[in-house]
């Protein structure tokens, strides 16, 4: 009796699934390319409004922070883009290395106990700013969360929580000049001399952006006539 050779189907099945996955990945990359291309000619205000307005309105309703402040901050810090690169701060990295080794007891409330045993790569992540508000990675200790939360899907939520805890009292008093300066430098706007921000126009630009977003929010709000 002649036995027929059995054909091995597994290689074909595997090849089929690899092809399907490749097509899906290619489609996602193409969609991402189209999305980024569609926003190339937009201003920072327009990108921020499209990408973050709905989420900002949601989280701001849970605090006393004005949505126009949060939107202005996002426009300042990341120009409203969704794919946000981190910014490494070498001087912060060196400070964290000193804390880890016990040369200094702490840095920005981070103690040796917090980071002992951490690798240099981990310290580099802590010494980088992340997400739409560009919060330093080490702020995850202040919020008691994983660092990935500062750059993940809940980055707006946790960023707003940090803002509220760190300098919410200034925002509640509408001291926006101090608030912008605090976010960028950790200190209120100086009473004398020039601002300490990385860009001298950071604070006035933030105030200007707030006014723009406030106008946009007011224009979108339903009028009394539209409710009847």
C-alpha atoms as a PDB file:
ATOM      1  CA  UNK A   1       0.000   0.000   0.000  1.00  0.00           C
ATOM      2  CA  UNK A   2       1.326   3.389  -1.010  1.00  0.00           C
ATOM      3  CA  UNK A   3       1.194   5.975   1.757  1.00  0.00           C
ATOM      4  CA  UNK A   4       0.691   9.564   0.794  1.00  0.00           C
ATOM      5  CA  UNK A   5       3.010  12.072   2.327  1.00  0.00           C
ATOM      6  CA  UNK A   6       1.332  14.317   4.832  1.00  0.00           C
ATOM      7  CA  UNK A   7       1.730  17.968   4.011  1.00  0.00           C
ATOM      8  CA  UNK A   8       2.950  20.104   6.904  1.00  0.00           C
ATOM      9  CA  UNK A   9       0.486  22.944   7.253  1.00  0.00           C
ATOM     10  CA  UNK A  10       1.997  24.733  10.250  1.00  0.00           C
ATOM     11  CA  UNK A  11       4.538  26.807   8.261  1.00  0.00           C
ATOM     12  CA  UNK A  12       1.719  28.071   6.024  1.00  0.00           C
ATOM     13  CA  UNK A  13      -0.490  28.880   8.999  1.00  0.00           C
ATOM     14  CA  UNK A  14       2.323  30.771  10.728  1.00  0.00           C
ATOM     15  CA  UNK A  15       3.164  32.620   7.524  1.00  0.00           C
ATOM     16  CA  UNK A  16      -0.489  33.614   7.138  1.00  0.00           C
ATOM     17  CA  UNK A  17      -0.705  35.054  10.642  1.00  0.00           C
ATOM     18  CA  UNK A  18       2.601  36.895  10.217  1.00  0.00           C
ATOM     19  CA  UNK A  19       1.243  38.418   7.013  1.00  0.00           C
ATOM     20  CA  UNK A  20      -1.981  39.490   8.756  1.00  0.00           C
ATOM     21  CA  UNK A  21      -0.030  41.084  11.609  1.00  0.00           C
ATOM     22  CA  UNK A  22       2.233  42.880   9.129  1.00  0.00           C
ATOM     23  CA  UNK A  23      -0.800  44.274   7.300  1.00  0.00           C
ATOM     24  CA  UNK A  24      -2.371  45.472  10.573  1.00  0.00           C
ATOM     25  CA  UNK A  25       0.882  47.112  11.676  1.00  0.00           C
ATOM     26  CA  UNK A  26       1.347  48.755   8.292  1.00  0.00           C
ATOM     27  CA  UNK A  27      -2.205  50.121   8.441  1.00  0.00           C
ATOM     28  CA  UNK A  28      -1.636  51.547  11.919  1.00  0.00           C
ATOM     29  CA  UNK A  29       1.592  53.218  10.832  1.00  0.00           C
ATOM     30  CA  UNK A  30      -0.116  54.605   7.740  1.00  0.00           C
ATOM     31  CA  UNK A  31      -3.016  55.963   9.813  1.00  0.00           C
ATOM     32  CA  UNK A  32      -0.519  57.516  12.217  1.00  0.00           C
ATOM     33  CA  UNK A  33       1.293  59.104   9.282  1.00  0.00           C
ATOM     34  CA  UNK A  34      -1.959  60.531   7.919  1.00  0.00           C
ATOM     35  CA  UNK A  35      -2.918  61.835  11.365  1.00  0.00           C
ATOM     36  CA  UNK A  36       0.447  63.537  11.905  1.00  0.00           C
ATOM     37  CA  UNK A  37       0.395  64.960   8.384  1.00  0.00           C
ATOM     38  CA  UNK A  38      -3.082  66.386   8.915  1.00  0.00           C
ATOM     39  CA  UNK A  39      -1.835  68.322  11.963  1.00  0.00           C
ATOM     40  CA  UNK A  40       1.418  69.602  10.483  1.00  0.00           C
ATOM     41  CA  UNK A  41      -0.043  72.943   9.435  1.00  0.00           C
ATOM     42  CA  UNK A  42      -2.025  73.502  12.627  1.00  0.00           C
ATOM     43  CA  UNK A  43      -0.968  75.971  15.314  1.00  0.00           C
ATOM     44  CA  UNK A  44      -0.145  74.850  18.856  1.00  0.00           C
ATOM     45  CA  UNK A  45      -3.513  76.220  19.975  1.00  0.00           C
ATOM     46  CA  UNK A  46      -5.393  74.281  17.296  1.00  0.00           C
ATOM     47  CA  UNK A  47      -3.540  71.033  18.035  1.00  0.00           C
ATOM     48  CA  UNK A  48      -4.092  71.399  21.770  1.00  0.00           C
ATOM     49  CA  UNK A  49      -7.783  72.099  21.236  1.00  0.00           C
ATOM     50  CA  UNK A  50      -8.260  69.058  18.971  1.00  0.00           C
ATOM     51  CA  UNK A  51      -6.106  66.616  20.931  1.00  0.00           C
ATOM     52  CA  UNK A  52      -6.751  67.574  24.548  1.00  0.00           C
ATOM     53  CA  UNK A  53      -9.824  69.767  24.983  1.00  0.00           C
ATOM     54  CA  UNK A  54     -12.326  67.030  25.877  1.00  0.00           C
ATOM     55  CA  UNK A  55     -10.017  65.332  28.371  1.00  0.00           C
ATOM     56  CA  UNK A  56      -9.015  68.634  29.961  1.00  0.00           C
ATOM     57  CA  UNK A  57     -12.652  69.644  30.416  1.00  0.00           C
ATOM     58  CA  UNK A  58     -13.323  66.338  32.137  1.00  0.00           C
ATOM     59  CA  UNK A  59     -10.444  66.504  34.615  1.00  0.00           C
ATOM     60  CA  UNK A  60     -10.843  70.224  35.297  1.00  0.00           C
ATOM     61  CA  UNK A  61     -14.461  69.619  36.324  1.00  0.00           C
ATOM     62  CA  UNK A  62     -13.100  67.398  39.112  1.00  0.00           C
ATOM     63  CA  UNK A  63     -10.871  70.178  40.462  1.00  0.00           C
ATOM     64  CA  UNK A  64     -11.048  73.948  40.766  1.00  0.00           C
ATOM     65  CA  UNK A  65      -8.422  74.432  38.060  1.00  0.00           C
ATOM     66  CA  UNK A  66      -9.592  76.484  35.075  1.00  0.00           C
ATOM     67  CA  UNK A  67      -9.496  74.449  31.837  1.00  0.00           C
ATOM     68  CA  UNK A  68      -7.969  77.383  29.960  1.00  0.00           C
ATOM     69  CA  UNK A  69      -4.939  77.209  32.276  1.00  0.00           C
ATOM     70  CA  UNK A  70      -4.408  73.494  31.622  1.00  0.00           C
ATOM     71  CA  UNK A  71      -4.832  73.949  27.862  1.00  0.00           C
ATOM     72  CA  UNK A  72      -2.394  76.875  27.839  1.00  0.00           C
ATOM     73  CA  UNK A  73       0.123  74.816  29.794  1.00  0.00           C
ATOM     74  CA  UNK A  74      -0.114  71.934  27.326  1.00  0.00           C
ATOM     75  CA  UNK A  75       0.333  74.318  24.387  1.00  0.00           C
ATOM     76  CA  UNK A  76       3.407  75.779  26.099  1.00  0.00           C
ATOM     77  CA  UNK A  77       5.005  72.497  27.096  1.00  0.00           C
ATOM     78  CA  UNK A  78       4.389  70.216  24.111  1.00  0.00           C
ATOM     79  CA  UNK A  79       2.725  72.374  21.411  1.00  0.00           C
ATOM     80  CA  UNK A  80      -0.380  70.214  21.669  1.00  0.00           C
ATOM     81  CA  UNK A  81       1.093  67.150  19.942  1.00  0.00           C
ATOM     82  CA  UNK A  82       0.116  63.604  20.945  1.00  0.00           C
ATOM     83  CA  UNK A  83       3.479  61.908  20.358  1.00  0.00           C
ATOM     84  CA  UNK A  84       5.569  63.695  22.977  1.00  0.00           C
ATOM     85  CA  UNK A  85       9.314  63.057  23.271  1.00  0.00           C
ATOM     86  CA  UNK A  86      10.859  63.115  26.735  1.00  0.00           C
ATOM     87  CA  UNK A  87      13.431  65.722  27.746  1.00  0.00           C
ATOM     88  CA  UNK A  88      16.479  64.494  29.629  1.00  0.00           C
ATOM     89  CA  UNK A  89      17.932  66.812  32.292  1.00  0.00           C
ATOM     90  CA  UNK A  90      21.555  65.841  32.850  1.00  0.00           C
ATOM     91  CA  UNK A  91      21.989  67.999  35.972  1.00  0.00           C
ATOM     92  CA  UNK A  92      19.007  66.269  37.610  1.00  0.00           C
ATOM     93  CA  UNK A  93      20.477  62.876  36.701  1.00  0.00           C
ATOM     94  CA  UNK A  94      23.752  63.777  38.431  1.00  0.00           C
ATOM     95  CA  UNK A  95      21.864  64.905  41.542  1.00  0.00           C
ATOM     96  CA  UNK A  96      19.898  61.645  41.651  1.00  0.00           C
ATOM     97  CA  UNK A  97      23.149  59.678  41.317  1.00  0.00           C
ATOM     98  CA  UNK A  98      24.499  61.563  44.340  1.00  0.00           C
ATOM     99  CA  UNK A  99      21.321  60.749  46.296  1.00  0.00           C
ATOM    100  CA  UNK A 100      21.510  57.075  45.332  1.00  0.00           C
ATOM    101  CA  UNK A 101      25.115  56.815  46.507  1.00  0.00           C
ATOM    102  CA  UNK A 102      24.423  58.786  49.692  1.00  0.00           C
ATOM    103  CA  UNK A 103      26.643  61.737  48.793  1.00  0.00           C
ATOM    104  CA  UNK A 104      23.633  63.996  49.460  1.00  0.00           C
ATOM    105  CA  UNK A 105      20.631  62.958  51.603  1.00  0.00           C
ATOM    106  CA  UNK A 106      17.880  64.046  49.223  1.00  0.00           C
ATOM    107  CA  UNK A 107      16.900  65.968  46.104  1.00  0.00           C
ATOM    108  CA  UNK A 108      13.435  67.472  45.611  1.00  0.00           C
ATOM    109  CA  UNK A 109      12.164  65.247  48.468  1.00  0.00           C
ATOM    110  CA  UNK A 110      13.650  62.114  46.801  1.00  0.00           C
ATOM    111  CA  UNK A 111      15.735  60.213  49.366  1.00  0.00           C
ATOM    112  CA  UNK A 112      18.374  57.516  49.118  1.00  0.00           C
ATOM    113  CA  UNK A 113      15.802  55.000  50.351  1.00  0.00           C
ATOM    114  CA  UNK A 114      13.532  55.844  47.407  1.00  0.00           C
ATOM    115  CA  UNK A 115      16.073  55.073  44.700  1.00  0.00           C
ATOM    116  CA  UNK A 116      18.694  52.783  46.238  1.00  0.00           C
ATOM    117  CA  UNK A 117      19.347  49.919  43.868  1.00  0.00           C
ATOM    118  CA  UNK A 118      17.971  51.826  40.884  1.00  0.00           C
ATOM    119  CA  UNK A 119      19.931  51.487  37.657  1.00  0.00           C
ATOM    120  CA  UNK A 120      21.315  54.440  35.717  1.00  0.00           C
ATOM    121  CA  UNK A 121      18.618  53.866  33.091  1.00  0.00           C
ATOM    122  CA  UNK A 122      15.947  54.128  35.785  1.00  0.00           C
ATOM    123  CA  UNK A 123      17.515  57.344  37.075  1.00  0.00           C
ATOM    124  CA  UNK A 124      17.597  58.746  33.539  1.00  0.00           C
ATOM    125  CA  UNK A 125      13.847  58.169  33.296  1.00  0.00           C
ATOM    126  CA  UNK A 126      13.348  59.919  36.635  1.00  0.00           C
ATOM    127  CA  UNK A 127      15.539  62.775  35.374  1.00  0.00           C
ATOM    128  CA  UNK A 128      13.452  63.251  32.217  1.00  0.00           C
ATOM    129  CA  UNK A 129      10.224  65.171  31.734  1.00  0.00           C
ATOM    130  CA  UNK A 130       7.208  63.324  30.366  1.00  0.00           C
ATOM    131  CA  UNK A 131       3.720  63.787  29.010  1.00  0.00           C
ATOM    132  CA  UNK A 132       1.699  66.811  27.877  1.00  0.00           C
ATOM    133  CA  UNK A 133       2.605  68.793  31.013  1.00  0.00           C
ATOM    134  CA  UNK A 134       6.264  67.694  30.808  1.00  0.00           C
ATOM    135  CA  UNK A 135       6.456  66.621  34.437  1.00  0.00           C
ATOM    136  CA  UNK A 136       9.766  65.328  35.718  1.00  0.00           C
ATOM    137  CA  UNK A 137       9.793  61.565  36.160  1.00  0.00           C
ATOM    138  CA  UNK A 138      10.669  61.763  39.848  1.00  0.00           C
ATOM    139  CA  UNK A 139       7.290  63.395  40.503  1.00  0.00           C
ATOM    140  CA  UNK A 140       5.843  59.877  40.416  1.00  0.00           C
ATOM    141  CA  UNK A 141       7.060  59.548  44.016  1.00  0.00           C
ATOM    142  CA  UNK A 142       5.099  62.664  44.979  1.00  0.00           C
ATOM    143  CA  UNK A 143       1.947  61.225  43.413  1.00  0.00           C
ATOM    144  CA  UNK A 144       2.669  57.661  44.592  1.00  0.00           C
ATOM    145  CA  UNK A 145       2.218  56.223  41.090  1.00  0.00           C
ATOM    146  CA  UNK A 146       4.313  54.377  38.516  1.00  0.00           C
ATOM    147  CA  UNK A 147       6.370  56.640  36.256  1.00  0.00           C
ATOM    148  CA  UNK A 148       4.600  55.252  33.178  1.00  0.00           C
ATOM    149  CA  UNK A 149       1.363  56.875  34.398  1.00  0.00           C
ATOM    150  CA  UNK A 150       2.883  60.306  33.706  1.00  0.00           C
ATOM    151  CA  UNK A 151       3.106  59.463  30.019  1.00  0.00           C
ATOM    152  CA  UNK A 152       0.261  56.970  29.593  1.00  0.00           C
ATOM    153  CA  UNK A 153      -3.424  57.279  28.793  1.00  0.00           C
ATOM    154  CA  UNK A 154      -4.094  58.978  32.143  1.00  0.00           C
ATOM    155  CA  UNK A 155      -1.283  61.524  31.825  1.00  0.00           C
ATOM    156  CA  UNK A 156      -3.738  64.447  31.819  1.00  0.00           C
ATOM    157  CA  UNK A 157      -5.469  63.145  34.944  1.00  0.00           C
ATOM    158  CA  UNK A 158      -2.303  62.542  36.949  1.00  0.00           C
ATOM    159  CA  UNK A 159      -0.677  65.706  35.623  1.00  0.00           C
ATOM    160  CA  UNK A 160      -3.650  67.731  36.838  1.00  0.00           C
ATOM    161  CA  UNK A 161      -3.500  65.976  40.209  1.00  0.00           C
ATOM    162  CA  UNK A 162       0.144  66.980  40.529  1.00  0.00           C
ATOM    163  CA  UNK A 163      -0.588  70.581  39.542  1.00  0.00           C
ATOM    164  CA  UNK A 164      -3.401  70.777  42.088  1.00  0.00           C
ATOM    165  CA  UNK A 165      -1.203  69.393  44.879  1.00  0.00           C
ATOM    166  CA  UNK A 166       1.947  71.303  43.969  1.00  0.00           C
ATOM    167  CA  UNK A 167       0.558  74.807  43.464  1.00  0.00           C
ATOM    168  CA  UNK A 168      -3.219  74.611  43.369  1.00  0.00           C
ATOM    169  CA  UNK A 169      -3.499  77.311  46.043  1.00  0.00           C
ATOM    170  CA  UNK A 170      -2.097  79.845  43.572  1.00  0.00           C
ATOM    171  CA  UNK A 171      -4.564  78.779  40.904  1.00  0.00           C
ATOM    172  CA  UNK A 172      -7.493  79.018  43.298  1.00  0.00           C
ATOM    173  CA  UNK A 173      -6.502  82.674  43.849  1.00  0.00           C
ATOM    174  CA  UNK A 174      -6.090  83.177  40.078  1.00  0.00           C
ATOM    175  CA  UNK A 175      -2.423  83.997  40.513  1.00  0.00           C
ATOM    176  CA  UNK A 176      -1.615  82.654  37.056  1.00  0.00           C
ATOM    177  CA  UNK A 177       1.629  84.555  36.680  1.00  0.00           C
ATOM    178  CA  UNK A 178       2.975  82.745  39.737  1.00  0.00           C
ATOM    179  CA  UNK A 179       1.432  79.441  38.597  1.00  0.00           C
ATOM    180  CA  UNK A 180       3.169  79.397  35.225  1.00  0.00           C
ATOM    181  CA  UNK A 181       6.471  80.339  36.842  1.00  0.00           C
ATOM    182  CA  UNK A 182       6.017  77.642  39.487  1.00  0.00           C
ATOM    183  CA  UNK A 183       5.343  74.970  36.901  1.00  0.00           C
ATOM    184  CA  UNK A 184       8.517  75.798  35.006  1.00  0.00           C
ATOM    185  CA  UNK A 185      10.881  76.628  37.861  1.00  0.00           C
ATOM    186  CA  UNK A 186       9.318  75.400  41.101  1.00  0.00           C
ATOM    187  CA  UNK A 187       9.133  78.942  42.509  1.00  0.00           C
ATOM    188  CA  UNK A 188       6.627  81.834  42.264  1.00  0.00           C
ATOM    189  CA  UNK A 189       7.301  84.719  39.919  1.00  0.00           C
ATOM    190  CA  UNK A 190      10.113  86.813  41.436  1.00  0.00           C
ATOM    191  CA  UNK A 191       9.103  90.104  43.017  1.00  0.00           C
ATOM    192  CA  UNK A 192      12.204  91.730  41.622  1.00  0.00           C
ATOM    193  CA  UNK A 193      14.295  91.024  38.569  1.00  0.00           C
ATOM    194  CA  UNK A 194      13.748  88.829  35.575  1.00  0.00           C
ATOM    195  CA  UNK A 195      11.814  85.551  35.529  1.00  0.00           C
ATOM    196  CA  UNK A 196      13.797  82.345  36.039  1.00  0.00           C
ATOM    197  CA  UNK A 197      12.000  80.408  33.299  1.00  0.00           C
ATOM    198  CA  UNK A 198      14.003  78.704  30.524  1.00  0.00           C
ATOM    199  CA  UNK A 199      12.393  81.181  28.123  1.00  0.00           C
ATOM    200  CA  UNK A 200      11.827  84.771  29.252  1.00  0.00           C
ATOM    201  CA  UNK A 201       8.523  84.829  27.332  1.00  0.00           C
ATOM    202  CA  UNK A 202       7.181  81.636  28.959  1.00  0.00           C
ATOM    203  CA  UNK A 203       4.891  83.354  31.476  1.00  0.00           C
ATOM    204  CA  UNK A 204       3.493  86.156  29.259  1.00  0.00           C
ATOM    205  CA  UNK A 205       2.943  83.644  26.474  1.00  0.00           C
ATOM    206  CA  UNK A 206       1.077  81.410  28.911  1.00  0.00           C
ATOM    207  CA  UNK A 207      -1.199  84.292  29.949  1.00  0.00           C
ATOM    208  CA  UNK A 208      -1.857  85.098  26.292  1.00  0.00           C
ATOM    209  CA  UNK A 209      -2.694  81.463  25.516  1.00  0.00           C
ATOM    210  CA  UNK A 210      -5.084  81.360  28.466  1.00  0.00           C
ATOM    211  CA  UNK A 211      -7.033  84.263  27.013  1.00  0.00           C
ATOM    212  CA  UNK A 212      -7.227  82.545  23.619  1.00  0.00           C
ATOM    213  CA  UNK A 213      -8.512  79.295  25.107  1.00  0.00           C
ATOM    214  CA  UNK A 214     -10.944  81.161  27.356  1.00  0.00           C
ATOM    215  CA  UNK A 215     -12.457  82.828  24.292  1.00  0.00           C
ATOM    216  CA  UNK A 216     -12.694  79.482  22.497  1.00  0.00           C
ATOM    217  CA  UNK A 217     -14.360  77.838  25.491  1.00  0.00           C
ATOM    218  CA  UNK A 218     -16.846  80.689  25.832  1.00  0.00           C
ATOM    219  CA  UNK A 219     -17.707  80.522  22.132  1.00  0.00           C
ATOM    220  CA  UNK A 220     -18.383  76.799  22.415  1.00  0.00           C
ATOM    221  CA  UNK A 221     -20.522  77.039  25.567  1.00  0.00           C
ATOM    222  CA  UNK A 222     -24.285  76.694  24.865  1.00  0.00           C
ATOM    223  CA  UNK A 223     -26.277  79.918  25.046  1.00  0.00           C
ATOM    224  CA  UNK A 224     -29.580  80.321  26.869  1.00  0.00           C
ATOM    225  CA  UNK A 225     -31.423  80.496  23.544  1.00  0.00           C
ATOM    226  CA  UNK A 226     -30.047  77.138  22.419  1.00  0.00           C
ATOM    227  CA  UNK A 227     -31.498  75.388  25.460  1.00  0.00           C
ATOM    228  CA  UNK A 228     -35.118  76.202  24.488  1.00  0.00           C
END
